[in-house]
Each structure stands twice: as C-alpha cells, then as structure tokens.
C-alpha atoms as a PDB file:
ATOM      1  CA  MET A   1      85.495 145.603  44.667  1.00  0.00           C
ATOM      2  CA  GLU A   2      83.913 148.029  42.187  1.00  0.00           C
ATOM      3  CA  LYS A   3      84.089 150.885  44.668  1.00  0.00           C
ATOM      4  CA  ASP A   4      87.733 150.053  45.406  1.00  0.00           C
ATOM      5  CA  ILE A   5      88.595 150.432  41.725  1.00  0.00           C
ATOM      6  CA  ILE A   6      86.602 153.644  41.352  1.00  0.00           C
ATOM      7  CA  ASN A   7      88.113 155.081  44.542  1.00  0.00           C
ATOM      8  CA  SER A   8      91.597 154.135  43.367  1.00  0.00           C
ATOM      9  CA  VAL A   9      91.151 155.857  39.992  1.00  0.00           C
ATOM     10  CA  ASN A  10      89.558 158.918  41.569  1.00  0.00           C
ATOM     11  CA  SER A  11      92.359 159.153  44.126  1.00  0.00           C
ATOM     12  CA  VAL A  12      95.072 159.095  41.472  1.00  0.00           C
ATOM     13  CA  LEU A  13      93.280 161.575  39.245  1.00  0.00           C
ATOM     14  CA  ALA A  14      92.316 163.920  42.067  1.00  0.00           C
ATOM     15  CA  ASP A  15      95.718 164.437  43.613  1.00  0.00           C
ATOM     16  CA  GLY A  16      98.160 162.062  41.971  1.00  0.00           C
ATOM     17  CA  GLY A  17      97.628 159.469  44.684  1.00  0.00           C
ATOM     18  CA  SER A  18     100.180 158.874  47.367  1.00  0.00           C
ATOM     19  CA  ILE A  19     102.944 157.893  44.920  1.00  0.00           C
ATOM     20  CA  ASP A  20     104.929 160.425  42.916  1.00  0.00           C
ATOM     21  CA  ILE A  21     104.053 159.495  39.325  1.00  0.00           C
ATOM     22  CA  ARG A  22     107.571 160.389  38.199  1.00  0.00           C
ATOM     23  CA  THR A  23     108.686 157.255  40.045  1.00  0.00           C
ATOM     24  CA  TYR A  24     106.398 154.910  38.101  1.00  0.00           C
ATOM     25  CA  SER A  25     108.306 152.584  35.833  1.00  0.00           C
ATOM     26  CA  PRO A  26     108.152 153.580  32.172  1.00  0.00           C
ATOM     27  CA  LEU A  27     106.526 150.257  31.309  1.00  0.00           C
ATOM     28  CA  THR A  28     103.796 150.855  33.893  1.00  0.00           C
ATOM     29  CA  LEU A  29     103.167 154.263  32.363  1.00  0.00           C
ATOM     30  CA  ALA A  30     103.151 152.700  28.874  1.00  0.00           C
ATOM     31  CA  TYR A  31     100.707 150.020  30.012  1.00  0.00           C
ATOM     32  CA  LEU A  32      98.258 152.705  31.069  1.00  0.00           C
ATOM     33  CA  GLY A  33      99.156 155.006  28.183  1.00  0.00           C
ATOM     34  CA  ASP A  34      98.311 152.317  25.639  1.00  0.00           C
ATOM     35  CA  ALA A  35      94.693 152.395  26.834  1.00  0.00           C
ATOM     36  CA  VAL A  36      94.653 156.198  27.017  1.00  0.00           C
ATOM     37  CA  TYR A  37      95.980 156.519  23.455  1.00  0.00           C
ATOM     38  CA  GLU A  38      93.457 154.000  22.159  1.00  0.00           C
ATOM     39  CA  ILE A  39      90.479 155.697  23.811  1.00  0.00           C
ATOM     40  CA  VAL A  40      91.521 159.065  22.346  1.00  0.00           C
ATOM     41  CA  ILE A  41      91.813 157.503  18.873  1.00  0.00           C
ATOM     42  CA  ARG A  42      88.543 155.571  19.198  1.00  0.00           C
ATOM     43  CA  THR A  43      86.780 158.749  20.303  1.00  0.00           C
ATOM     44  CA  ALA A  44      88.175 160.673  17.322  1.00  0.00           C
ATOM     45  CA  VAL A  45      87.126 157.922  14.905  1.00  0.00           C
ATOM     46  CA  VAL A  46      83.595 157.729  16.325  1.00  0.00           C
ATOM     47  CA  ASN A  47      83.268 161.523  16.267  1.00  0.00           C
ATOM     48  CA  LYS A  48      83.831 161.458  12.497  1.00  0.00           C
ATOM     49  CA  GLY A  49      80.441 159.818  12.039  1.00  0.00           C
ATOM     50  CA  GLN A  50      78.379 156.717  12.568  1.00  0.00           C
ATOM     51  CA  ARG A  51      79.712 153.663  10.772  1.00  0.00           C
ATOM     52  CA  PRO A  52      79.367 149.929  11.295  1.00  0.00           C
ATOM     53  CA  ALA A  53      81.497 148.665  14.181  1.00  0.00           C
ATOM     54  CA  ASN A  54      83.708 146.546  11.923  1.00  0.00           C
ATOM     55  CA  MET A  55      84.573 149.632   9.840  1.00  0.00           C
ATOM     56  CA  LEU A  56      85.342 151.601  13.005  1.00  0.00           C
ATOM     57  CA  HIS A  57      87.586 148.781  14.189  1.00  0.00           C
ATOM     58  CA  ARG A  58      89.433 148.426  10.873  1.00  0.00           C
ATOM     59  CA  HIS A  59      90.122 152.133  10.778  1.00  0.00           C
ATOM     60  CA  THR A  60      91.144 152.312  14.443  1.00  0.00           C
ATOM     61  CA  ILE A  61      93.685 149.479  14.256  1.00  0.00           C
ATOM     62  CA  LYS A  62      95.579 151.394  11.558  1.00  0.00           C
ATOM     63  CA  LEU A  63      95.959 154.293  13.988  1.00  0.00           C
ATOM     64  CA  VAL A  64      96.818 152.393  17.163  1.00  0.00           C
ATOM     65  CA  CYS A  65      99.635 150.305  15.697  1.00  0.00           C
ATOM     66  CA  ALA A  66     103.235 150.823  16.780  1.00  0.00           C
ATOM     67  CA  GLN A  67     104.263 152.287  13.412  1.00  0.00           C
ATOM     68  CA  THR A  68     101.677 155.072  13.603  1.00  0.00           C
ATOM     69  CA  GLN A  69     102.419 155.783  17.262  1.00  0.00           C
ATOM     70  CA  ALA A  70     106.141 155.993  16.432  1.00  0.00           C
ATOM     71  CA  LYS A  71     105.468 158.439  13.580  1.00  0.00           C
ATOM     72  CA  ILE A  72     103.277 160.596  15.810  1.00  0.00           C
ATOM     73  CA  ALA A  73     105.935 160.583  18.537  1.00  0.00           C
ATOM     74  CA  GLU A  74     108.590 161.727  16.067  1.00  0.00           C
ATOM     75  CA  ALA A  75     106.299 164.382  14.593  1.00  0.00           C
ATOM     76  CA  VAL A  76     105.405 165.970  17.941  1.00  0.00           C
ATOM     77  CA  TYR A  77     108.757 165.550  19.713  1.00  0.00           C
ATOM     78  CA  GLU A  78     109.690 169.209  19.205  1.00  0.00           C
ATOM     79  CA  TYR A  79     106.292 170.250  20.586  1.00  0.00           C
ATOM     80  CA  MET A  80     106.880 168.335  23.827  1.00  0.00           C
ATOM     81  CA  SER A  81     108.089 170.156  26.916  1.00  0.00           C
ATOM     82  CA  SER A  82     111.468 169.090  28.302  1.00  0.00           C
ATOM     83  CA  GLU A  83     109.628 167.145  31.032  1.00  0.00           C
ATOM     84  CA  GLU A  84     107.515 165.364  28.395  1.00  0.00           C
ATOM     85  CA  GLN A  85     110.610 164.608  26.299  1.00  0.00           C
ATOM     86  CA  ASP A  86     112.258 163.102  29.367  1.00  0.00           C
ATOM     87  CA  ILE A  87     109.284 160.812  30.039  1.00  0.00           C
ATOM     88  CA  TYR A  88     109.194 159.841  26.347  1.00  0.00           C
ATOM     89  CA  ARG A  89     112.939 159.044  26.333  1.00  0.00           C
ATOM     90  CA  ARG A  90     112.643 156.995  29.523  1.00  0.00           C
ATOM     91  CA  GLY A  91     109.874 154.940  27.941  1.00  0.00           C
ATOM     92  CA  LYS A  92     111.668 154.602  24.617  1.00  0.00           C
ATOM     93  CA  ASN A  93     114.933 153.488  26.220  1.00  0.00           C
ATOM     94  CA  THR A  94     113.439 150.970  28.638  1.00  0.00           C
ATOM     95  CA  LYS A  95     114.418 147.372  28.039  1.00  0.00           C
ATOM     96  CA  VAL A  96     111.359 145.537  26.796  1.00  0.00           C
ATOM     97  CA  ASN A  97     110.987 141.782  26.846  1.00  0.00           C
ATOM     98  CA  SER A  98     108.525 141.596  23.988  1.00  0.00           C
ATOM     99  CA  SER A  99     107.918 143.250  20.664  1.00  0.00           C
ATOM    100  CA  ALA A 100     105.033 144.041  18.396  1.00  0.00           C
ATOM    101  CA  LYS A 101     104.129 141.390  15.866  1.00  0.00           C
ATOM    102  CA  ASN A 102     104.343 143.692  12.872  1.00  0.00           C
ATOM    103  CA  ALA A 103     106.724 146.458  13.955  1.00  0.00           C
ATOM    104  CA  SER A 104     110.439 147.038  13.979  1.00  0.00           C
ATOM    105  CA  LEU A 105     112.169 147.246  17.348  1.00  0.00           C
ATOM    106  CA  THR A 106     112.807 150.953  16.711  1.00  0.00           C
ATOM    107  CA  ASP A 107     109.130 151.676  16.082  1.00  0.00           C
ATOM    108  CA  TYR A 108     108.126 149.531  19.049  1.00  0.00           C
ATOM    109  CA  ARG A 109     110.437 151.470  21.360  1.00  0.00           C
ATOM    110  CA  LYS A 110     109.208 154.847  20.087  1.00  0.00           C
ATOM    111  CA  ALA A 111     105.604 153.688  20.508  1.00  0.00           C
ATOM    112  CA  THR A 112     106.382 152.516  24.046  1.00  0.00           C
ATOM    113  CA  GLY A 113     107.889 155.916  24.816  1.00  0.00           C
ATOM    114  CA  PHE A 114     104.833 157.706  23.475  1.00  0.00           C
ATOM    115  CA  GLU A 115     102.505 155.416  25.422  1.00  0.00           C
ATOM    116  CA  ALA A 116     104.553 156.126  28.571  1.00  0.00           C
ATOM    117  CA  LEU A 117     104.042 159.842  27.965  1.00  0.00           C
ATOM    118  CA  CYS A 118     100.295 159.333  27.444  1.00  0.00           C
ATOM    119  CA  GLY A 119     100.096 157.375  30.701  1.00  0.00           C
ATOM    120  CA  TYR A 120     102.097 159.991  32.573  1.00  0.00           C
ATOM    121  CA  LEU A 121      99.929 162.851  31.331  1.00  0.00           C
ATOM    122  CA  PHE A 122      96.777 160.893  32.157  1.00  0.00           C
ATOM    123  CA  LEU A 123      97.988 160.338  35.716  1.00  0.00           C
ATOM    124  CA  LYS A 124      98.722 164.061  35.919  1.00  0.00           C
ATOM    125  CA  ASN A 125      95.053 164.501  35.003  1.00  0.00           C
ATOM    126  CA  ASP A 126      96.065 166.262  31.785  1.00  0.00           C
ATOM    127  CA  ILE A 127      94.072 164.364  29.161  1.00  0.00           C
ATOM    128  CA  GLU A 128      93.755 167.656  27.285  1.00  0.00           C
ATOM    129  CA  ARG A 129      97.521 167.616  26.665  1.00  0.00           C
ATOM    130  CA  VAL A 130      97.424 163.975  25.550  1.00  0.00           C
ATOM    131  CA  THR A 131      94.698 164.837  23.061  1.00  0.00           C
ATOM    132  CA  GLU A 132      96.580 167.934  21.913  1.00  0.00           C
ATOM    133  CA  LEU A 133      99.754 165.949  21.158  1.00  0.00           C
ATOM    134  CA  ILE A 134      97.868 163.193  19.337  1.00  0.00           C
ATOM    135  CA  GLU A 135      95.854 165.700  17.292  1.00  0.00           C
ATOM    136  CA  LYS A 136      99.031 167.633  16.422  1.00  0.00           C
ATOM    137  CA  GLY A 137     100.717 164.434  15.254  1.00  0.00           C
ATOM    138  CA  ILE A 138      97.731 163.453  13.136  1.00  0.00           C
ATOM    139  CA  GLU A 139      97.647 166.946  11.644  1.00  0.00           C
ATOM    140  CA  LEU A 140     101.395 167.031  10.895  1.00  0.00           C
ATOM    141  CA  LEU A 141     101.324 163.572   9.325  1.00  0.00           C
ATOM    142  CA  LYS A 142      98.129 164.346   7.396  1.00  0.00           C
ATOM    143  CA  ILE A 143      96.491 161.161   8.679  1.00  0.00           C
ATOM    144  CA  GLN A 144      92.818 160.781   7.776  1.00  0.00           C
ATOM    145  CA  ILE A 145      90.561 159.877  10.675  1.00  0.00           C
END
C-alpha cells in the first residue's frame, strides 16, 4: 500500500499522471491545495525560528484561515497569469456544500479558489510558483510570519 501511494504521487509529479490536471474538479484541486498552502505556511513559520509547538500552531492557524487566504488571493490576483486566474475563478465560483466556521461565504469562496490554484500548481510540479504567490501576498499585506 505504501509503495502504491508513493508511486501514485511520483507519477503525478513526474509527468502529470495520465489525467489532464485541467480536468480535475476545482474542489479536488482545492482539497489538495489546502494541504499545499498549509505546508508552505508551516515551513515559513518554522523557518522564522525555533519556538514551542503550541506557539507555532497558534501563529499558523492565523495564516491558514479562510480570511487570510482570501486576502492573499485578492492581493496577488494581478500577479497571476491568465491561466492561474482562470483556475482561481473556477475554484471561487464552484458551488460548495459547506462553509468555514468563522468566515463569510465570500471569503470562503475566495479561499477555495486560491486553494484550487495551489493544488493545480502543485500537480504541475510548480511548488516554486505556489511559494512565490504566497510570499508575494504576505509581503503586500505586510503580514508578520
């Protein structure tokens, strides 16, 4: 089972797998992008210095909430390519059957769109671009990590 998972991930990252990632549903991309976004944020927080795990967690949850993701998405929208904007819009406009506990529907949709973009770029094996967009958003919004 472990090798199946590793082979599956390697296959997708090596050549995009056998499925055109542009055909993935926006919510599937957002599902993956949520994890990608969080690992980028967690890495940035840890790279700022050793702190107790509870402090790392408290700081991280402020950055991975829908409101912050929505603000980052808005801040970097003009820096996205037309292809990236299209993926973001598809994710943002997808009908969702749930919502964040502490976010408006507008913020939740924007966050979903940004997560879809993060998932898409990850599947394109372009984690550098994901990181670039997140860093640009943090810089533009003057968010302290």
